[in-house]
Structure formats: structure tokens, C-alpha cells
């Protein structure tokens, strides 16, 4: 019998530790949702739905371009998440430093070419990092205005 139906007999210190973990998880999920909202990946909670699905009464035959045309350029090529500290590999691929650092802990090869790769071969990409910061600021401003 796996359970008698009675509440578990956990010491109060274990319950307090578990509750603290639950709070941290909820906070982390909220932070992740906030970041996703800033970047336009999920619907923003503060925006009200548009009652008119086609606000333009005279739609053009050519659909408008993606409102976030640069977003794909900011995605880590391994995780497909927005990078926070982009680095360029010798192969030219852009990935987040944390992603490639995790990879290099178990495998010292370029994940795209399988050639030898070490941390000192990574090249900072400050121009991309600046563009990501500007993109995030623009997204935050758009969320604030709506």
C-alpha cells in the first residue's frame, strides 16, 4: 500500500524548505513569462483583445512584414532562446555564452562543425549584445504604451 490517505509526516523544517522552493519556482516562472511578454513571444496580459480582428478596412494585397524582423537574429542557434551574452564561434554561429559553456563541459567540439572548440576560441559579439538590449528596450516601451 503506497498511501494510507493520511497527510505525510514531514518535519516542519522540510515543509518550510519545500514551500521556499515552491515560491522560488513561482517567481522564476513569473520572470520568464515577463521576459516572454517583453519579447512578443506570448500574448501580453495587460493588453486587451482587439475587438476588430481587421483594423484596416482596406487591407493591402501585400501583408505587412513581421513587426519584430530582428528577433530571429537574437536567438541562440542551439536553444532558440533570446541570447543575453552572445558569442561567435569560429564557424560564425552565434550562441549564448552560457549555452556553449554548458556544452563545452562535456564535449570540447563545435556543435555545428564537430571541430575542436575551447572557451578561449569564443569571440564576444558586443554589437549583437547591444542590438538585443535595444530590441528589449523597444519591446518594453511598446508593452508600457499598450
N, C-alpha and C. Protein backbone atom coordinates (compact mmCIF):
# COMPACT_ATOMS: atom_id res chain seq x y z
N UNK A 1 0.86 -1.17 0.00
CA UNK A 1 0.00 0.00 0.00
C UNK A 1 0.91 1.23 0.00
N UNK A 2 0.71 2.10 -1.00
CA UNK A 2 1.56 3.27 -1.14
C UNK A 2 1.15 4.41 -0.22
N UNK A 3 -0.13 4.54 0.06
CA UNK A 3 -0.58 5.65 0.88
C UNK A 3 -1.75 5.21 1.74
N UNK A 4 -1.73 5.67 2.97
CA UNK A 4 -2.85 5.37 3.86
C UNK A 4 -3.92 6.44 3.77
N UNK A 5 -3.68 7.47 3.02
CA UNK A 5 -4.64 8.57 2.91
C UNK A 5 -4.39 9.67 3.92
N UNK A 6 -3.55 9.39 4.91
CA UNK A 6 -3.23 10.39 5.93
C UNK A 6 -2.18 11.34 5.37
N UNK A 7 -2.15 12.59 5.88
CA UNK A 7 -1.13 13.53 5.41
C UNK A 7 0.27 13.00 5.73
N UNK A 8 1.26 13.33 4.93
CA UNK A 8 2.61 12.84 5.19
C UNK A 8 3.16 13.42 6.48
N UNK A 9 3.99 12.65 7.12
CA UNK A 9 4.60 13.08 8.38
C UNK A 9 5.97 13.69 8.10
N UNK A 10 5.97 14.87 7.51
CA UNK A 10 7.22 15.55 7.21
C UNK A 10 7.55 16.51 8.34
N UNK A 11 8.80 16.62 8.72
CA UNK A 11 9.16 17.62 9.73
C UNK A 11 8.86 19.03 9.20
N UNK A 12 8.55 19.92 10.11
CA UNK A 12 8.18 21.28 9.70
C UNK A 12 9.32 21.96 8.95
N UNK A 13 10.57 21.64 9.25
CA UNK A 13 11.68 22.26 8.53
C UNK A 13 11.67 21.81 7.06
N UNK A 14 11.31 20.57 6.79
CA UNK A 14 11.22 20.09 5.41
C UNK A 14 10.09 20.79 4.67
N UNK A 15 8.98 20.99 5.36
CA UNK A 15 7.86 21.69 4.73
C UNK A 15 8.24 23.13 4.42
N UNK A 16 8.94 23.78 5.33
CA UNK A 16 9.36 25.17 5.10
C UNK A 16 10.32 25.23 3.91
N UNK A 17 11.22 24.27 3.81
CA UNK A 17 12.16 24.22 2.68
C UNK A 17 11.40 24.01 1.38
N UNK A 18 10.44 23.11 1.40
CA UNK A 18 9.64 22.84 0.21
C UNK A 18 8.82 24.08 -0.19
N UNK A 19 8.23 24.76 0.78
CA UNK A 19 7.46 25.97 0.49
C UNK A 19 8.36 27.05 -0.11
N UNK A 20 9.58 27.19 0.40
CA UNK A 20 10.51 28.18 -0.15
C UNK A 20 10.87 27.83 -1.60
N UNK A 21 11.07 26.55 -1.88
CA UNK A 21 11.35 26.11 -3.24
C UNK A 21 10.17 26.44 -4.15
N UNK A 22 8.96 26.17 -3.68
CA UNK A 22 7.76 26.47 -4.48
C UNK A 22 7.68 27.96 -4.79
N UNK A 23 7.95 28.80 -3.80
CA UNK A 23 7.91 30.26 -4.02
C UNK A 23 8.95 30.68 -5.06
N UNK A 24 10.18 30.12 -4.97
CA UNK A 24 11.22 30.46 -5.94
C UNK A 24 10.83 30.01 -7.35
N UNK A 25 10.20 28.85 -7.45
CA UNK A 25 9.76 28.36 -8.77
C UNK A 25 8.69 29.27 -9.35
N UNK A 26 7.75 29.69 -8.53
CA UNK A 26 6.68 30.58 -8.99
C UNK A 26 7.26 31.92 -9.42
N UNK A 27 8.22 32.45 -8.66
CA UNK A 27 8.86 33.71 -9.04
C UNK A 27 9.63 33.56 -10.35
N UNK A 28 10.35 32.46 -10.49
CA UNK A 28 11.12 32.24 -11.72
C UNK A 28 10.19 32.12 -12.92
N UNK A 29 9.07 31.43 -12.76
CA UNK A 29 8.10 31.30 -13.85
C UNK A 29 7.54 32.68 -14.21
N UNK A 30 7.26 33.50 -13.21
CA UNK A 30 6.76 34.85 -13.47
C UNK A 30 7.78 35.69 -14.23
N UNK A 31 9.05 35.58 -13.84
CA UNK A 31 10.11 36.31 -14.54
C UNK A 31 10.23 35.84 -15.99
N UNK A 32 10.14 34.53 -16.20
CA UNK A 32 10.22 34.01 -17.56
C UNK A 32 9.03 34.50 -18.39
N UNK A 33 7.84 34.50 -17.80
CA UNK A 33 6.67 34.99 -18.52
C UNK A 33 6.81 36.47 -18.86
N UNK A 34 7.34 37.25 -17.90
CA UNK A 34 7.54 38.68 -18.15
C UNK A 34 8.50 38.88 -19.32
N UNK A 35 9.59 38.11 -19.35
CA UNK A 35 10.55 38.25 -20.44
C UNK A 35 9.92 37.85 -21.77
N UNK A 36 9.14 36.78 -21.77
CA UNK A 36 8.47 36.35 -22.99
C UNK A 36 7.50 37.43 -23.48
N UNK A 37 6.79 38.05 -22.55
CA UNK A 37 5.86 39.12 -22.93
C UNK A 37 6.61 40.30 -23.53
N UNK A 38 7.76 40.66 -22.90
CA UNK A 38 8.56 41.78 -23.41
C UNK A 38 9.00 41.53 -24.84
N UNK A 39 9.29 40.30 -25.16
CA UNK A 39 9.85 39.98 -26.46
C UNK A 39 8.78 39.58 -27.46
N UNK A 40 7.52 39.62 -27.07
CA UNK A 40 6.45 39.34 -28.00
C UNK A 40 6.24 37.88 -28.32
N UNK A 41 6.79 36.99 -27.50
CA UNK A 41 6.65 35.56 -27.78
C UNK A 41 5.32 34.98 -27.31
N UNK A 42 4.70 35.61 -26.31
CA UNK A 42 3.40 35.16 -25.85
C UNK A 42 2.53 36.39 -25.69
N UNK A 43 1.20 36.25 -25.69
CA UNK A 43 0.33 37.42 -25.55
C UNK A 43 0.60 38.15 -24.24
N UNK A 44 0.55 39.45 -24.30
CA UNK A 44 0.78 40.27 -23.13
C UNK A 44 -0.50 40.34 -22.32
N UNK A 45 -0.39 40.10 -21.01
CA UNK A 45 -1.57 40.08 -20.14
C UNK A 45 -2.25 41.44 -20.03
N UNK A 46 -1.47 42.53 -20.10
CA UNK A 46 -2.06 43.85 -19.89
C UNK A 46 -2.81 44.35 -21.12
N UNK A 47 -2.58 43.77 -22.26
CA UNK A 47 -3.26 44.21 -23.47
C UNK A 47 -4.66 43.61 -23.52
N UNK A 48 -5.61 44.44 -23.89
CA UNK A 48 -6.96 43.90 -24.07
C UNK A 48 -7.07 43.37 -25.49
N UNK A 49 -7.89 42.32 -25.66
CA UNK A 49 -8.01 41.78 -27.01
C UNK A 49 -8.62 42.80 -27.95
N UNK A 50 -8.20 42.77 -29.19
CA UNK A 50 -8.70 43.69 -30.21
C UNK A 50 -10.08 43.21 -30.65
N UNK A 51 -11.15 44.01 -30.41
CA UNK A 51 -12.48 43.56 -30.81
C UNK A 51 -12.64 43.48 -32.32
N UNK A 52 -11.81 44.23 -33.05
CA UNK A 52 -11.90 44.23 -34.51
C UNK A 52 -10.69 43.48 -35.05
N UNK A 53 -10.84 42.23 -35.49
CA UNK A 53 -9.68 41.48 -35.93
C UNK A 53 -8.99 42.07 -37.15
N UNK A 54 -9.69 42.88 -37.93
CA UNK A 54 -9.08 43.50 -39.10
C UNK A 54 -9.25 45.01 -38.97
N UNK A 55 -8.33 45.68 -38.25
CA UNK A 55 -8.49 47.12 -38.03
C UNK A 55 -8.33 47.95 -39.29
N UNK A 56 -7.71 47.40 -40.32
CA UNK A 56 -7.50 48.13 -41.56
C UNK A 56 -8.63 47.78 -42.53
N UNK A 57 -9.56 48.72 -42.80
CA UNK A 57 -10.67 48.38 -43.68
C UNK A 57 -10.24 48.14 -45.12
N UNK A 58 -9.09 48.66 -45.53
CA UNK A 58 -8.58 48.46 -46.89
C UNK A 58 -7.26 47.72 -46.82
N UNK A 59 -7.30 46.43 -46.57
CA UNK A 59 -6.02 45.72 -46.46
C UNK A 59 -5.26 45.73 -47.77
N UNK A 60 -3.94 45.84 -47.64
CA UNK A 60 -3.12 45.85 -48.84
C UNK A 60 -2.95 44.41 -49.32
N UNK A 61 -2.72 44.22 -50.61
CA UNK A 61 -2.52 42.85 -51.09
C UNK A 61 -1.26 42.21 -50.55
N UNK A 62 -0.27 43.04 -50.14
CA UNK A 62 0.97 42.52 -49.58
C UNK A 62 0.89 42.61 -48.07
N UNK A 63 0.95 41.49 -47.37
CA UNK A 63 0.89 41.56 -45.91
C UNK A 63 2.08 42.33 -45.36
N UNK A 64 1.87 42.97 -44.20
CA UNK A 64 2.95 43.73 -43.60
C UNK A 64 4.03 42.78 -43.10
N UNK A 65 5.27 43.26 -43.08
CA UNK A 65 6.35 42.40 -42.61
C UNK A 65 6.20 42.11 -41.12
N UNK A 66 6.95 41.13 -40.66
CA UNK A 66 6.96 40.76 -39.25
C UNK A 66 7.31 42.01 -38.44
N UNK A 67 6.49 42.36 -37.41
CA UNK A 67 6.79 43.55 -36.61
C UNK A 67 8.10 43.42 -35.84
N UNK A 68 8.61 42.22 -35.66
CA UNK A 68 9.87 42.00 -34.97
C UNK A 68 10.85 41.32 -35.93
N UNK A 69 11.26 42.01 -36.99
CA UNK A 69 12.07 41.34 -38.00
C UNK A 69 13.42 40.85 -37.49
N UNK A 70 13.95 41.47 -36.45
CA UNK A 70 15.27 41.11 -35.97
C UNK A 70 15.26 40.04 -34.90
N UNK A 71 14.09 39.67 -34.42
CA UNK A 71 14.02 38.75 -33.30
C UNK A 71 14.76 37.44 -33.59
N UNK A 72 14.63 36.88 -34.77
CA UNK A 72 15.30 35.62 -35.09
C UNK A 72 16.81 35.75 -35.04
N UNK A 73 17.33 36.93 -35.35
CA UNK A 73 18.77 37.14 -35.30
C UNK A 73 19.31 37.07 -33.88
N UNK A 74 18.43 37.25 -32.89
CA UNK A 74 18.84 37.29 -31.50
C UNK A 74 18.66 35.95 -30.80
N UNK A 75 18.24 34.94 -31.55
CA UNK A 75 18.00 33.62 -30.95
C UNK A 75 19.28 32.80 -30.94
N UNK A 76 19.54 32.17 -29.82
CA UNK A 76 20.64 31.23 -29.70
C UNK A 76 20.39 30.11 -30.70
N UNK A 77 21.38 29.77 -31.51
CA UNK A 77 21.20 28.77 -32.56
C UNK A 77 21.09 27.35 -32.02
N UNK A 78 21.33 27.17 -30.74
CA UNK A 78 21.17 25.84 -30.13
C UNK A 78 19.85 25.75 -29.38
N UNK A 79 19.56 26.73 -28.53
CA UNK A 79 18.36 26.66 -27.68
C UNK A 79 17.16 27.39 -28.25
N UNK A 80 17.37 28.23 -29.27
CA UNK A 80 16.30 29.05 -29.85
C UNK A 80 15.69 30.02 -28.84
N UNK A 81 16.48 30.45 -27.88
CA UNK A 81 16.05 31.45 -26.91
C UNK A 81 16.83 32.73 -27.16
N UNK A 82 16.25 33.85 -26.76
CA UNK A 82 16.93 35.13 -26.91
C UNK A 82 18.22 35.10 -26.08
N UNK A 83 19.32 35.48 -26.70
CA UNK A 83 20.62 35.45 -26.02
C UNK A 83 20.76 36.63 -25.07
N UNK A 84 21.52 36.42 -24.00
CA UNK A 84 21.83 37.53 -23.10
C UNK A 84 23.30 37.92 -23.20
N UNK A 85 24.15 36.96 -23.54
CA UNK A 85 25.58 37.22 -23.70
C UNK A 85 26.06 36.48 -24.96
N UNK A 86 25.78 37.04 -26.14
CA UNK A 86 26.11 36.33 -27.38
C UNK A 86 27.61 36.25 -27.64
N UNK A 87 28.03 35.09 -28.14
CA UNK A 87 29.41 34.90 -28.58
C UNK A 87 29.39 34.25 -29.95
N UNK A 88 30.42 34.53 -30.71
CA UNK A 88 30.55 33.97 -32.06
C UNK A 88 31.55 32.83 -32.01
N UNK A 89 31.16 31.69 -32.56
CA UNK A 89 32.05 30.55 -32.65
C UNK A 89 32.95 30.72 -33.87
N UNK A 90 34.07 30.01 -33.94
CA UNK A 90 34.93 30.10 -35.12
C UNK A 90 34.19 29.79 -36.42
N UNK A 91 33.12 29.01 -36.35
CA UNK A 91 32.33 28.67 -37.53
C UNK A 91 31.41 29.81 -37.96
N UNK A 92 31.32 30.87 -37.12
CA UNK A 92 30.46 32.00 -37.44
C UNK A 92 29.11 31.95 -36.76
N UNK A 93 28.76 30.83 -36.15
CA UNK A 93 27.48 30.70 -35.48
C UNK A 93 27.45 31.54 -34.21
N UNK A 94 26.26 32.10 -33.90
CA UNK A 94 26.07 32.87 -32.68
C UNK A 94 25.30 32.04 -31.67
N UNK A 95 25.83 31.97 -30.45
CA UNK A 95 25.14 31.27 -29.36
C UNK A 95 25.35 32.06 -28.08
N UNK A 96 24.54 31.76 -27.10
CA UNK A 96 24.71 32.41 -25.80
C UNK A 96 25.89 31.78 -25.07
N UNK A 97 26.65 32.59 -24.38
CA UNK A 97 27.85 32.10 -23.69
C UNK A 97 27.51 30.95 -22.73
N UNK A 98 26.42 31.08 -21.99
CA UNK A 98 26.05 30.03 -21.03
C UNK A 98 25.75 28.71 -21.74
N UNK A 99 25.11 28.79 -22.90
CA UNK A 99 24.78 27.58 -23.65
C UNK A 99 26.03 26.85 -24.10
N UNK A 100 26.96 27.57 -24.69
CA UNK A 100 28.16 26.91 -25.21
C UNK A 100 29.07 26.47 -24.06
N UNK A 101 29.06 27.22 -22.95
CA UNK A 101 29.85 26.82 -21.79
C UNK A 101 29.36 25.47 -21.25
N UNK A 102 28.05 25.30 -21.18
CA UNK A 102 27.48 24.01 -20.74
C UNK A 102 27.90 22.90 -21.69
N UNK A 103 27.84 23.18 -22.98
CA UNK A 103 28.22 22.18 -23.99
C UNK A 103 29.69 21.79 -23.83
N UNK A 104 30.55 22.80 -23.62
CA UNK A 104 31.99 22.53 -23.54
C UNK A 104 32.39 21.76 -22.29
N UNK A 105 31.53 21.76 -21.27
CA UNK A 105 31.84 20.98 -20.07
C UNK A 105 31.90 19.49 -20.37
N UNK A 106 31.10 19.05 -21.33
CA UNK A 106 31.07 17.62 -21.63
C UNK A 106 31.67 17.27 -22.99
N UNK A 107 31.87 18.28 -23.84
CA UNK A 107 32.31 17.98 -25.20
C UNK A 107 33.04 19.19 -25.77
N UNK A 108 34.32 19.08 -25.97
CA UNK A 108 35.11 20.22 -26.48
C UNK A 108 35.12 20.26 -27.99
N UNK A 109 33.93 20.24 -28.58
CA UNK A 109 33.81 20.38 -30.03
C UNK A 109 32.76 21.43 -30.35
N UNK A 110 32.90 22.01 -31.51
CA UNK A 110 31.90 22.94 -32.01
C UNK A 110 30.65 22.12 -32.34
N UNK A 111 29.50 22.46 -31.77
CA UNK A 111 28.31 21.64 -32.01
C UNK A 111 27.81 21.70 -33.46
N UNK A 112 28.32 22.64 -34.25
CA UNK A 112 27.89 22.77 -35.63
C UNK A 112 28.84 22.08 -36.62
N UNK A 113 30.14 22.07 -36.27
CA UNK A 113 31.12 21.51 -37.20
C UNK A 113 31.86 20.29 -36.64
N UNK A 114 31.74 20.06 -35.36
CA UNK A 114 32.42 18.97 -34.65
C UNK A 114 33.94 19.14 -34.62
N UNK A 115 34.43 20.34 -34.94
CA UNK A 115 35.85 20.61 -34.82
C UNK A 115 36.16 20.99 -33.38
N UNK A 116 37.41 20.87 -32.98
CA UNK A 116 37.81 21.20 -31.61
C UNK A 116 37.42 22.65 -31.29
N UNK A 117 36.90 22.84 -30.08
CA UNK A 117 36.48 24.16 -29.63
C UNK A 117 36.77 24.28 -28.15
N UNK A 118 37.40 25.38 -27.76
CA UNK A 118 37.65 25.67 -26.35
C UNK A 118 37.09 27.06 -26.05
N UNK A 119 36.92 27.35 -24.77
CA UNK A 119 36.33 28.62 -24.35
C UNK A 119 37.13 29.82 -24.85
N UNK A 120 38.45 29.69 -24.94
CA UNK A 120 39.25 30.82 -25.39
C UNK A 120 39.10 31.09 -26.89
N UNK A 121 38.45 30.19 -27.60
CA UNK A 121 38.21 30.39 -29.04
C UNK A 121 36.92 31.17 -29.30
N UNK A 122 36.13 31.41 -28.24
CA UNK A 122 34.87 32.14 -28.39
C UNK A 122 35.17 33.62 -28.55
N UNK A 123 34.44 34.27 -29.44
CA UNK A 123 34.63 35.70 -29.70
C UNK A 123 33.40 36.46 -29.21
N UNK A 124 33.61 37.44 -28.33
CA UNK A 124 32.48 38.26 -27.88
C UNK A 124 31.81 38.92 -29.08
N UNK A 125 30.50 39.14 -28.94
CA UNK A 125 29.74 39.81 -30.00
C UNK A 125 29.03 41.03 -29.39
N UNK A 126 29.80 42.07 -29.03
CA UNK A 126 29.21 43.23 -28.34
C UNK A 126 28.18 43.96 -29.20
N UNK A 127 28.36 43.96 -30.53
CA UNK A 127 27.38 44.66 -31.38
C UNK A 127 26.03 43.95 -31.33
N UNK A 128 26.05 42.63 -31.29
CA UNK A 128 24.79 41.87 -31.20
C UNK A 128 24.17 42.05 -29.82
N UNK A 129 25.01 42.05 -28.80
CA UNK A 129 24.52 42.25 -27.43
C UNK A 129 23.84 43.61 -27.31
N UNK A 130 24.41 44.64 -27.92
CA UNK A 130 23.82 45.98 -27.91
C UNK A 130 22.50 45.99 -28.66
N UNK A 131 22.43 45.33 -29.81
CA UNK A 131 21.19 45.26 -30.58
C UNK A 131 20.10 44.55 -29.80
N UNK A 132 20.46 43.50 -29.07
CA UNK A 132 19.48 42.78 -28.24
C UNK A 132 18.97 43.70 -27.14
N UNK A 133 19.87 44.44 -26.51
CA UNK A 133 19.46 45.37 -25.45
C UNK A 133 18.50 46.42 -26.00
N UNK A 134 18.79 46.95 -27.18
CA UNK A 134 17.91 47.94 -27.81
C UNK A 134 16.56 47.33 -28.16
N UNK A 135 16.58 46.10 -28.66
CA UNK A 135 15.34 45.41 -29.01
C UNK A 135 14.49 45.19 -27.77
N UNK A 136 15.12 44.75 -26.68
CA UNK A 136 14.36 44.53 -25.44
C UNK A 136 13.79 45.84 -24.92
N UNK A 137 14.56 46.92 -24.99
CA UNK A 137 14.06 48.22 -24.53
C UNK A 137 12.87 48.66 -25.37
N UNK A 138 12.95 48.44 -26.69
CA UNK A 138 11.85 48.79 -27.59
C UNK A 138 10.60 47.99 -27.24
N UNK A 139 10.78 46.70 -26.96
CA UNK A 139 9.64 45.85 -26.61
C UNK A 139 9.03 46.29 -25.29
N UNK A 140 9.88 46.63 -24.32
CA UNK A 140 9.36 47.10 -23.02
C UNK A 140 8.56 48.39 -23.22
N UNK A 141 9.06 49.30 -24.05
CA UNK A 141 8.36 50.54 -24.30
C UNK A 141 7.00 50.28 -24.96
N UNK A 142 6.95 49.34 -25.90
CA UNK A 142 5.69 49.02 -26.56
C UNK A 142 4.70 48.42 -25.57
N UNK A 143 5.17 47.58 -24.66
CA UNK A 143 4.29 46.98 -23.65
C UNK A 143 3.76 48.06 -22.72
N UNK A 144 4.63 48.99 -22.35
CA UNK A 144 4.24 50.07 -21.44
C UNK A 144 3.19 50.96 -22.09
N UNK A 145 3.32 51.21 -23.40
CA UNK A 145 2.39 52.09 -24.09
C UNK A 145 1.03 51.44 -24.33
N UNK A 146 0.97 50.11 -24.36
CA UNK A 146 -0.31 49.48 -24.65
C UNK A 146 -1.15 49.26 -23.45
